[in-house]
Amino acid sequence: MAQISIVYWSGTGNTELMAQKVAEGVREAGQEAVVLSVDLADVSELKKARAFALGCPSMGAEQLEETQMEPFMCDLENGIGGKQIGLFGSFGWGGGEWMRDWEERVRNAGASVVGEEGIIVNGAPDEEAEEKCKELGRALAAAVS
């Protein structure tokens, strides 16, 4: 059984809740899931994995959180070729440009975005958004089966 890491940064708790729902989907599909805040995650472990998820809300001018998630992503970027990566995050303003930029960045590094695009939620996830997060988890589990 593969273990799938779900690494996130959350300022208000919305992205953390999304991470928990992704993990729920992974477990529903029969795989192990570990949910870690980005400050506890190990880049070298993710570089060994076939699939994992990353979550971060939109910050500032629609960008990744700059003190923890952005440096983590910079360290991770050169080792994600061929990987299946799920992306998710919440936002309070804007149109989701940070997620489109993140998807492009992941693809340019040689990885695939699970589900073709990241999941974005305005504010706290509702039932529909929670189900999308679970679907992402199930898709990640299928990617390692």
C-alpha atoms as a PDB file:
ATOM      1  CA  MET A   1       0.000   0.000   0.000  1.00  0.00           C
ATOM      2  CA  ALA A   2       1.386   3.361  -1.022  1.00  0.00           C
ATOM      3  CA  GLN A   3       1.452   6.340   1.295  1.00  0.00           C
ATOM      4  CA  ILE A   4       0.354   9.591  -0.304  1.00  0.00           C
ATOM      5  CA  SER A   5       1.498  12.865   1.246  1.00  0.00           C
ATOM      6  CA  ILE A   6      -0.758  15.894   1.290  1.00  0.00           C
ATOM      7  CA  VAL A   7       1.360  18.961   2.073  1.00  0.00           C
ATOM      8  CA  TYR A   8      -0.292  22.309   2.685  1.00  0.00           C
ATOM      9  CA  TRP A   9       0.064  25.838   4.038  1.00  0.00           C
ATOM     10  CA  SER A  10      -3.055  27.416   5.523  1.00  0.00           C
ATOM     11  CA  GLY A  11      -3.592  30.837   7.008  1.00  0.00           C
ATOM     12  CA  THR A  12      -7.276  30.619   7.971  1.00  0.00           C
ATOM     13  CA  GLY A  13      -7.848  26.862   8.095  1.00  0.00           C
ATOM     14  CA  ASN A  14      -9.701  26.601   4.768  1.00  0.00           C
ATOM     15  CA  THR A  15      -6.814  25.000   2.866  1.00  0.00           C
ATOM     16  CA  GLU A  16      -6.106  22.723   5.837  1.00  0.00           C
ATOM     17  CA  LEU A  17      -9.716  21.503   5.696  1.00  0.00           C
ATOM     18  CA  MET A  18      -9.285  20.853   1.973  1.00  0.00           C
ATOM     19  CA  ALA A  19      -6.134  18.822   2.740  1.00  0.00           C
ATOM     20  CA  GLN A  20      -8.077  16.683   5.214  1.00  0.00           C
ATOM     21  CA  LYS A  21     -10.750  15.998   2.582  1.00  0.00           C
ATOM     22  CA  VAL A  22      -8.098  15.011   0.001  1.00  0.00           C
ATOM     23  CA  ALA A  23      -6.722  12.567   2.578  1.00  0.00           C
ATOM     24  CA  GLU A  24     -10.216  11.212   3.178  1.00  0.00           C
ATOM     25  CA  GLY A  25     -10.513  10.429  -0.539  1.00  0.00           C
ATOM     26  CA  VAL A  26      -7.120   8.692  -0.564  1.00  0.00           C
ATOM     27  CA  ARG A  27      -8.200   6.500   2.355  1.00  0.00           C
ATOM     28  CA  GLU A  28     -11.601   5.765   0.792  1.00  0.00           C
ATOM     29  CA  ALA A  29      -9.685   4.411  -2.208  1.00  0.00           C
ATOM     30  CA  GLY A  30      -7.654   2.058  -0.017  1.00  0.00           C
ATOM     31  CA  GLN A  31      -4.334   3.882   0.232  1.00  0.00           C
ATOM     32  CA  GLU A  32      -2.591   5.504   3.187  1.00  0.00           C
ATOM     33  CA  ALA A  33      -2.558   9.289   3.484  1.00  0.00           C
ATOM     34  CA  VAL A  34      -0.406  11.568   5.596  1.00  0.00           C
ATOM     35  CA  VAL A  35      -1.330  15.241   5.967  1.00  0.00           C
ATOM     36  CA  LEU A  36       1.540  17.604   6.779  1.00  0.00           C
ATOM     37  CA  SER A  37       1.839  21.341   7.089  1.00  0.00           C
ATOM     38  CA  VAL A  38       4.615  22.513   4.789  1.00  0.00           C
ATOM     39  CA  ASP A  39       6.946  23.343   7.688  1.00  0.00           C
ATOM     40  CA  LEU A  40       6.935  19.637   8.673  1.00  0.00           C
ATOM     41  CA  ALA A  41       7.244  18.183   5.160  1.00  0.00           C
ATOM     42  CA  ASP A  42      10.421  16.658   3.718  1.00  0.00           C
ATOM     43  CA  VAL A  43      11.225  17.596   0.116  1.00  0.00           C
ATOM     44  CA  SER A  44      13.408  14.501  -0.334  1.00  0.00           C
ATOM     45  CA  GLU A  45      10.491  12.215   0.603  1.00  0.00           C
ATOM     46  CA  LEU A  46       8.208  13.849  -1.956  1.00  0.00           C
ATOM     47  CA  LYS A  47      10.880  13.529  -4.635  1.00  0.00           C
ATOM     48  CA  LYS A  48      10.777   9.733  -4.058  1.00  0.00           C
ATOM     49  CA  ALA A  49       6.970   9.519  -4.286  1.00  0.00           C
ATOM     50  CA  ARG A  50       5.013   8.789  -7.464  1.00  0.00           C
ATOM     51  CA  ALA A  51       2.102  11.015  -6.454  1.00  0.00           C
ATOM     52  CA  PHE A  52       1.293  13.630  -3.819  1.00  0.00           C
ATOM     53  CA  ALA A  53      -0.793  16.748  -3.282  1.00  0.00           C
ATOM     54  CA  LEU A  54       0.137  20.339  -2.505  1.00  0.00           C
ATOM     55  CA  GLY A  55      -2.221  22.938  -1.108  1.00  0.00           C
ATOM     56  CA  CYS A  56      -1.805  26.672  -0.667  1.00  0.00           C
ATOM     57  CA  PRO A  57      -4.222  29.589  -0.663  1.00  0.00           C
ATOM     58  CA  SER A  58      -3.820  32.617  -2.855  1.00  0.00           C
ATOM     59  CA  MET A  59      -1.728  35.254  -1.119  1.00  0.00           C
ATOM     60  CA  GLY A  60      -0.992  38.888  -1.892  1.00  0.00           C
ATOM     61  CA  ALA A  61      -1.127  39.526  -5.613  1.00  0.00           C
ATOM     62  CA  GLU A  62      -2.337  35.976  -6.389  1.00  0.00           C
ATOM     63  CA  GLN A  63       0.819  34.078  -5.524  1.00  0.00           C
ATOM     64  CA  LEU A  64       1.940  31.216  -3.294  1.00  0.00           C
ATOM     65  CA  GLU A  65       2.611  31.966   0.364  1.00  0.00           C
ATOM     66  CA  GLU A  66       6.164  33.352   0.259  1.00  0.00           C
ATOM     67  CA  THR A  67       7.840  32.428   3.557  1.00  0.00           C
ATOM     68  CA  GLN A  68       7.204  28.665   3.595  1.00  0.00           C
ATOM     69  CA  MET A  69       5.372  27.318   0.527  1.00  0.00           C
ATOM     70  CA  GLU A  70       7.315  29.245  -2.138  1.00  0.00           C
ATOM     71  CA  PRO A  71      10.763  28.187  -0.808  1.00  0.00           C
ATOM     72  CA  PHE A  72       9.463  24.609  -0.423  1.00  0.00           C
ATOM     73  CA  MET A  73       8.236  24.641  -4.020  1.00  0.00           C
ATOM     74  CA  CYS A  74      11.592  25.996  -5.225  1.00  0.00           C
ATOM     75  CA  ASP A  75      13.390  23.109  -3.485  1.00  0.00           C
ATOM     76  CA  LEU A  76      10.901  20.567  -4.819  1.00  0.00           C
ATOM     77  CA  GLU A  77      10.668  21.785  -8.409  1.00  0.00           C
ATOM     78  CA  ASN A  78      13.817  20.156  -9.763  1.00  0.00           C
ATOM     79  CA  GLY A  79      12.730  16.679  -8.634  1.00  0.00           C
ATOM     80  CA  ILE A  80       9.115  16.324  -9.759  1.00  0.00           C
ATOM     81  CA  GLY A  81       9.504  15.180 -13.361  1.00  0.00           C
ATOM     82  CA  GLY A  82       7.148  12.288 -14.107  1.00  0.00           C
ATOM     83  CA  LYS A  83       5.169  12.697 -10.889  1.00  0.00           C
ATOM     84  CA  GLN A  84       1.394  12.956 -10.474  1.00  0.00           C
ATOM     85  CA  ILE A  85       0.607  16.032  -8.367  1.00  0.00           C
ATOM     86  CA  GLY A  86      -2.713  17.252  -7.064  1.00  0.00           C
ATOM     87  CA  LEU A  87      -3.032  20.984  -6.400  1.00  0.00           C
ATOM     88  CA  PHE A  88      -5.621  22.745  -4.271  1.00  0.00           C
ATOM     89  CA  GLY A  89      -6.201  25.953  -2.357  1.00  0.00           C
ATOM     90  CA  SER A  90      -8.646  28.583  -1.235  1.00  0.00           C
ATOM     91  CA  PHE A  91      -8.862  32.258  -2.078  1.00  0.00           C
ATOM     92  CA  GLY A  92     -10.763  35.314  -0.966  1.00  0.00           C
ATOM     93  CA  TRP A  93     -10.279  37.612  -3.938  1.00  0.00           C
ATOM     94  CA  GLY A  94      -9.133  37.486  -7.548  1.00  0.00           C
ATOM     95  CA  GLY A  95      -9.899  34.907 -10.176  1.00  0.00           C
ATOM     96  CA  GLY A  96      -7.582  32.014  -9.445  1.00  0.00           C
ATOM     97  CA  GLU A  97      -4.539  33.217 -11.370  1.00  0.00           C
ATOM     98  CA  TRP A  98      -2.195  31.842  -8.678  1.00  0.00           C
ATOM     99  CA  MET A  99      -3.508  28.333  -9.343  1.00  0.00           C
ATOM    100  CA  ARG A 100      -3.097  28.613 -13.120  1.00  0.00           C
ATOM    101  CA  ASP A 101       0.468  29.836 -12.567  1.00  0.00           C
ATOM    102  CA  TRP A 102       1.129  26.935 -10.157  1.00  0.00           C
ATOM    103  CA  GLU A 103      -0.278  24.383 -12.626  1.00  0.00           C
ATOM    104  CA  GLU A 104       1.965  25.769 -15.364  1.00  0.00           C
ATOM    105  CA  ARG A 105       4.979  25.701 -13.066  1.00  0.00           C
ATOM    106  CA  VAL A 106       4.357  22.043 -12.152  1.00  0.00           C
ATOM    107  CA  ARG A 107       3.915  21.065 -15.814  1.00  0.00           C
ATOM    108  CA  ASN A 108       7.046  22.975 -16.844  1.00  0.00           C
ATOM    109  CA  ALA A 109       8.952  20.929 -14.243  1.00  0.00           C
ATOM    110  CA  GLY A 110       7.793  17.742 -15.999  1.00  0.00           C
ATOM    111  CA  ALA A 111       4.995  16.628 -13.676  1.00  0.00           C
ATOM    112  CA  SER A 112       1.321  16.011 -14.412  1.00  0.00           C
ATOM    113  CA  VAL A 113      -1.472  17.835 -12.619  1.00  0.00           C
ATOM    114  CA  VAL A 114      -3.985  15.260 -11.394  1.00  0.00           C
ATOM    115  CA  GLY A 115      -7.435  16.096 -12.733  1.00  0.00           C
ATOM    116  CA  GLU A 116      -5.879  18.451 -15.308  1.00  0.00           C
ATOM    117  CA  GLU A 117      -6.340  21.464 -13.014  1.00  0.00           C
ATOM    118  CA  GLY A 118      -6.066  22.433  -9.381  1.00  0.00           C
ATOM    119  CA  ILE A 119      -9.072  22.771  -7.113  1.00  0.00           C
ATOM    120  CA  ILE A 120      -9.825  26.331  -6.041  1.00  0.00           C
ATOM    121  CA  VAL A 121     -12.429  27.343  -3.483  1.00  0.00           C
ATOM    122  CA  ASN A 122     -13.587  30.836  -2.579  1.00  0.00           C
ATOM    123  CA  GLY A 123     -13.451  30.941   1.231  1.00  0.00           C
ATOM    124  CA  ALA A 124     -14.376  27.857   3.223  1.00  0.00           C
ATOM    125  CA  PRO A 125     -15.104  24.694   1.234  1.00  0.00           C
ATOM    126  CA  ASP A 126     -18.788  23.804   0.925  1.00  0.00           C
ATOM    127  CA  GLU A 127     -20.075  20.243   0.378  1.00  0.00           C
ATOM    128  CA  GLU A 128     -19.428  20.381  -3.371  1.00  0.00           C
ATOM    129  CA  ALA A 129     -15.846  21.567  -2.839  1.00  0.00           C
ATOM    130  CA  GLU A 130     -15.276  18.931  -0.163  1.00  0.00           C
ATOM    131  CA  GLU A 131     -16.418  16.257  -2.625  1.00  0.00           C
ATOM    132  CA  LYS A 132     -14.021  17.613  -5.277  1.00  0.00           C
ATOM    133  CA  CYS A 133     -11.205  17.318  -2.740  1.00  0.00           C
ATOM    134  CA  LYS A 134     -12.182  13.716  -2.002  1.00  0.00           C
ATOM    135  CA  GLU A 135     -12.257  13.023  -5.753  1.00  0.00           C
ATOM    136  CA  LEU A 136      -8.725  14.391  -5.985  1.00  0.00           C
ATOM    137  CA  GLY A 137      -7.677  12.021  -3.207  1.00  0.00           C
ATOM    138  CA  ARG A 138      -9.239   9.055  -5.005  1.00  0.00           C
ATOM    139  CA  ALA A 139      -7.479  10.059  -8.234  1.00  0.00           C
ATOM    140  CA  LEU A 140      -4.129  10.267  -6.423  1.00  0.00           C
ATOM    141  CA  ALA A 141      -4.739   6.807  -4.955  1.00  0.00           C
ATOM    142  CA  ALA A 142      -5.519   5.455  -8.429  1.00  0.00           C
ATOM    143  CA  ALA A 143      -2.285   6.980  -9.746  1.00  0.00           C
ATOM    144  CA  VAL A 144      -0.217   4.797  -7.400  1.00  0.00           C
ATOM    145  CA  SER A 145      -2.303   1.608  -7.704  1.00  0.00           C
END
